[in-house]
Amino acid sequence: MRRARLDEWLPRETVHARLTSWWLPEGITEPGHTELSVMWFQTATQDPFARLAAIVRPLDWTSLAGFAPFED
Protein backbone atom coordinates (compact mmCIF):
# COMPACT_ATOMS: atom_id res chain seq x y z
CA MET A 1 0.00 0.00 0.00
CA ARG A 2 1.40 3.36 -1.04
CA ARG A 3 0.76 6.36 1.17
CA ALA A 4 0.25 9.85 -0.20
CA ARG A 5 2.63 12.49 1.04
CA LEU A 6 1.34 15.88 2.07
CA ASP A 7 3.66 18.80 1.48
CA GLU A 8 1.29 21.41 2.86
CA TRP A 9 -1.03 21.35 5.87
CA LEU A 10 -4.56 22.59 5.60
CA PRO A 11 -4.99 26.16 6.83
CA ARG A 12 -5.59 26.45 10.54
CA GLU A 13 -7.08 29.93 10.71
CA THR A 14 -10.82 30.50 10.49
CA VAL A 15 -11.79 34.08 9.74
CA HIS A 16 -15.26 35.60 10.15
CA ALA A 17 -16.49 38.96 8.88
CA ARG A 18 -19.93 40.54 9.15
CA LEU A 19 -20.56 43.26 6.58
CA THR A 20 -23.40 45.69 7.23
CA SER A 21 -24.99 48.37 5.07
CA TRP A 22 -27.78 50.91 5.39
CA TRP A 23 -29.05 49.67 2.02
CA LEU A 24 -32.52 48.13 2.34
CA PRO A 25 -34.18 45.67 -0.04
CA GLU A 26 -37.05 47.02 -2.10
CA GLY A 27 -40.31 47.05 -0.18
CA ILE A 28 -38.72 47.15 3.29
CA THR A 29 -39.88 50.18 5.26
CA GLU A 30 -39.12 49.21 8.85
CA PRO A 31 -35.89 50.46 10.44
CA GLY A 32 -32.91 48.20 10.11
CA HIS A 33 -29.97 47.35 7.90
CA THR A 34 -28.72 44.55 5.69
CA GLU A 35 -25.89 42.29 6.64
CA LEU A 36 -23.81 39.55 5.07
CA SER A 37 -21.70 37.11 7.07
CA VAL A 38 -18.61 35.61 5.44
CA MET A 39 -16.37 32.84 6.78
CA TRP A 40 -13.20 31.48 5.18
CA PHE A 41 -10.03 29.60 6.00
CA GLN A 42 -6.51 30.86 5.46
CA THR A 43 -2.99 30.55 6.75
CA ALA A 44 -1.86 32.76 9.60
CA THR A 45 0.49 34.71 7.30
CA GLN A 46 -2.20 35.84 4.83
CA ASP A 47 -3.77 39.30 5.09
CA PRO A 48 -7.44 38.76 6.05
CA PHE A 49 -8.57 42.12 4.65
CA ALA A 50 -7.05 41.43 1.23
CA ARG A 51 -8.64 37.97 1.22
CA LEU A 52 -12.02 39.40 2.26
CA ALA A 53 -11.86 41.95 -0.56
CA ALA A 54 -11.14 39.18 -3.07
CA ILE A 55 -14.04 37.09 -1.74
CA VAL A 56 -16.71 39.80 -1.74
CA ARG A 57 -15.72 41.64 -4.92
CA PRO A 58 -17.69 39.32 -7.27
CA LEU A 59 -20.65 38.76 -4.91
CA ASP A 60 -24.12 40.12 -5.61
CA TRP A 61 -24.92 41.98 -2.37
CA THR A 62 -28.62 42.43 -3.17
CA SER A 63 -29.24 38.71 -3.52
CA LEU A 64 -27.04 37.53 -0.63
CA ALA A 65 -27.46 40.12 2.13
CA GLY A 66 -30.27 39.61 4.61
CA PHE A 67 -32.40 42.29 6.23
CA ALA A 68 -31.82 42.71 9.97
CA PRO A 69 -34.44 44.87 11.73
CA PHE A 70 -33.40 47.04 14.64
CA GLU A 71 -34.42 45.55 17.97
CA ASP A 72 -36.26 47.70 20.49
C-alpha atoms as a PDB file:
ATOM      1  CA  MET A   1       0.000   0.000   0.000  1.00  0.00           C
ATOM      2  CA  ARG A   2       1.396   3.360  -1.039  1.00  0.00           C
ATOM      3  CA  ARG A   3       0.765   6.363   1.168  1.00  0.00           C
ATOM      4  CA  ALA A   4       0.247   9.850  -0.204  1.00  0.00           C
ATOM      5  CA  ARG A   5       2.632  12.488   1.040  1.00  0.00           C
ATOM      6  CA  LEU A   6       1.344  15.875   2.065  1.00  0.00           C
ATOM      7  CA  ASP A   7       3.659  18.801   1.477  1.00  0.00           C
ATOM      8  CA  GLU A   8       1.290  21.407   2.863  1.00  0.00           C
ATOM      9  CA  TRP A   9      -1.027  21.347   5.867  1.00  0.00           C
ATOM     10  CA  LEU A  10      -4.555  22.591   5.596  1.00  0.00           C
ATOM     11  CA  PRO A  11      -4.990  26.161   6.826  1.00  0.00           C
ATOM     12  CA  ARG A  12      -5.591  26.454  10.536  1.00  0.00           C
ATOM     13  CA  GLU A  13      -7.081  29.933  10.706  1.00  0.00           C
ATOM     14  CA  THR A  14     -10.822  30.500  10.494  1.00  0.00           C
ATOM     15  CA  VAL A  15     -11.791  34.084   9.745  1.00  0.00           C
ATOM     16  CA  HIS A  16     -15.263  35.596  10.147  1.00  0.00           C
ATOM     17  CA  ALA A  17     -16.494  38.959   8.876  1.00  0.00           C
ATOM     18  CA  ARG A  18     -19.931  40.542   9.145  1.00  0.00           C
ATOM     19  CA  LEU A  19     -20.557  43.261   6.585  1.00  0.00           C
ATOM     20  CA  THR A  20     -23.399  45.690   7.227  1.00  0.00           C
ATOM     21  CA  SER A  21     -24.986  48.372   5.070  1.00  0.00           C
ATOM     22  CA  TRP A  22     -27.781  50.906   5.394  1.00  0.00           C
ATOM     23  CA  TRP A  23     -29.051  49.672   2.020  1.00  0.00           C
ATOM     24  CA  LEU A  24     -32.523  48.130   2.337  1.00  0.00           C
ATOM     25  CA  PRO A  25     -34.175  45.671  -0.040  1.00  0.00           C
ATOM     26  CA  GLU A  26     -37.052  47.021  -2.102  1.00  0.00           C
ATOM     27  CA  GLY A  27     -40.309  47.053  -0.178  1.00  0.00           C
ATOM     28  CA  ILE A  28     -38.723  47.146   3.295  1.00  0.00           C
ATOM     29  CA  THR A  29     -39.878  50.181   5.256  1.00  0.00           C
ATOM     30  CA  GLU A  30     -39.122  49.210   8.851  1.00  0.00           C
ATOM     31  CA  PRO A  31     -35.893  50.463  10.436  1.00  0.00           C
ATOM     32  CA  GLY A  32     -32.906  48.202  10.107  1.00  0.00           C
ATOM     33  CA  HIS A  33     -29.970  47.347   7.900  1.00  0.00           C
ATOM     34  CA  THR A  34     -28.724  44.550   5.688  1.00  0.00           C
ATOM     35  CA  GLU A  35     -25.887  42.289   6.638  1.00  0.00           C
ATOM     36  CA  LEU A  36     -23.809  39.549   5.075  1.00  0.00           C
ATOM     37  CA  SER A  37     -21.695  37.105   7.069  1.00  0.00           C
ATOM     38  CA  VAL A  38     -18.607  35.610   5.442  1.00  0.00           C
ATOM     39  CA  MET A  39     -16.371  32.845   6.782  1.00  0.00           C
ATOM     40  CA  TRP A  40     -13.204  31.482   5.182  1.00  0.00           C
ATOM     41  CA  PHE A  41     -10.035  29.596   6.004  1.00  0.00           C
ATOM     42  CA  GLN A  42      -6.514  30.865   5.459  1.00  0.00           C
ATOM     43  CA  THR A  43      -2.989  30.555   6.746  1.00  0.00           C
ATOM     44  CA  ALA A  44      -1.862  32.762   9.601  1.00  0.00           C
ATOM     45  CA  THR A  45       0.486  34.713   7.304  1.00  0.00           C
ATOM     46  CA  GLN A  46      -2.199  35.839   4.833  1.00  0.00           C
ATOM     47  CA  ASP A  47      -3.769  39.304   5.088  1.00  0.00           C
ATOM     48  CA  PRO A  48      -7.438  38.762   6.054  1.00  0.00           C
ATOM     49  CA  PHE A  49      -8.567  42.122   4.648  1.00  0.00           C
ATOM     50  CA  ALA A  50      -7.051  41.428   1.234  1.00  0.00           C
ATOM     51  CA  ARG A  51      -8.637  37.969   1.220  1.00  0.00           C
ATOM     52  CA  LEU A  52     -12.021  39.401   2.259  1.00  0.00           C
ATOM     53  CA  ALA A  53     -11.855  41.954  -0.559  1.00  0.00           C
ATOM     54  CA  ALA A  54     -11.139  39.179  -3.069  1.00  0.00           C
ATOM     55  CA  ILE A  55     -14.038  37.089  -1.743  1.00  0.00           C
ATOM     56  CA  VAL A  56     -16.713  39.801  -1.738  1.00  0.00           C
ATOM     57  CA  ARG A  57     -15.717  41.636  -4.924  1.00  0.00           C
ATOM     58  CA  PRO A  58     -17.694  39.323  -7.269  1.00  0.00           C
ATOM     59  CA  LEU A  59     -20.650  38.764  -4.909  1.00  0.00           C
ATOM     60  CA  ASP A  60     -24.115  40.115  -5.611  1.00  0.00           C
ATOM     61  CA  TRP A  61     -24.916  41.978  -2.371  1.00  0.00           C
ATOM     62  CA  THR A  62     -28.616  42.433  -3.173  1.00  0.00           C
ATOM     63  CA  SER A  63     -29.241  38.705  -3.520  1.00  0.00           C
ATOM     64  CA  LEU A  64     -27.043  37.526  -0.629  1.00  0.00           C
ATOM     65  CA  ALA A  65     -27.463  40.116   2.129  1.00  0.00           C
ATOM     66  CA  GLY A  66     -30.267  39.613   4.606  1.00  0.00           C
ATOM     67  CA  PHE A  67     -32.402  42.294   6.232  1.00  0.00           C
ATOM     68  CA  ALA A  68     -31.817  42.709   9.965  1.00  0.00           C
ATOM     69  CA  PRO A  69     -34.445  44.871  11.727  1.00  0.00           C
ATOM     70  CA  PHE A  70     -33.405  47.036  14.645  1.00  0.00           C
ATOM     71  CA  GLU A  71     -34.417  45.549  17.968  1.00  0.00           C
ATOM     72  CA  ASP A  72     -36.259  47.699  20.488  1.00  0.00           C
END
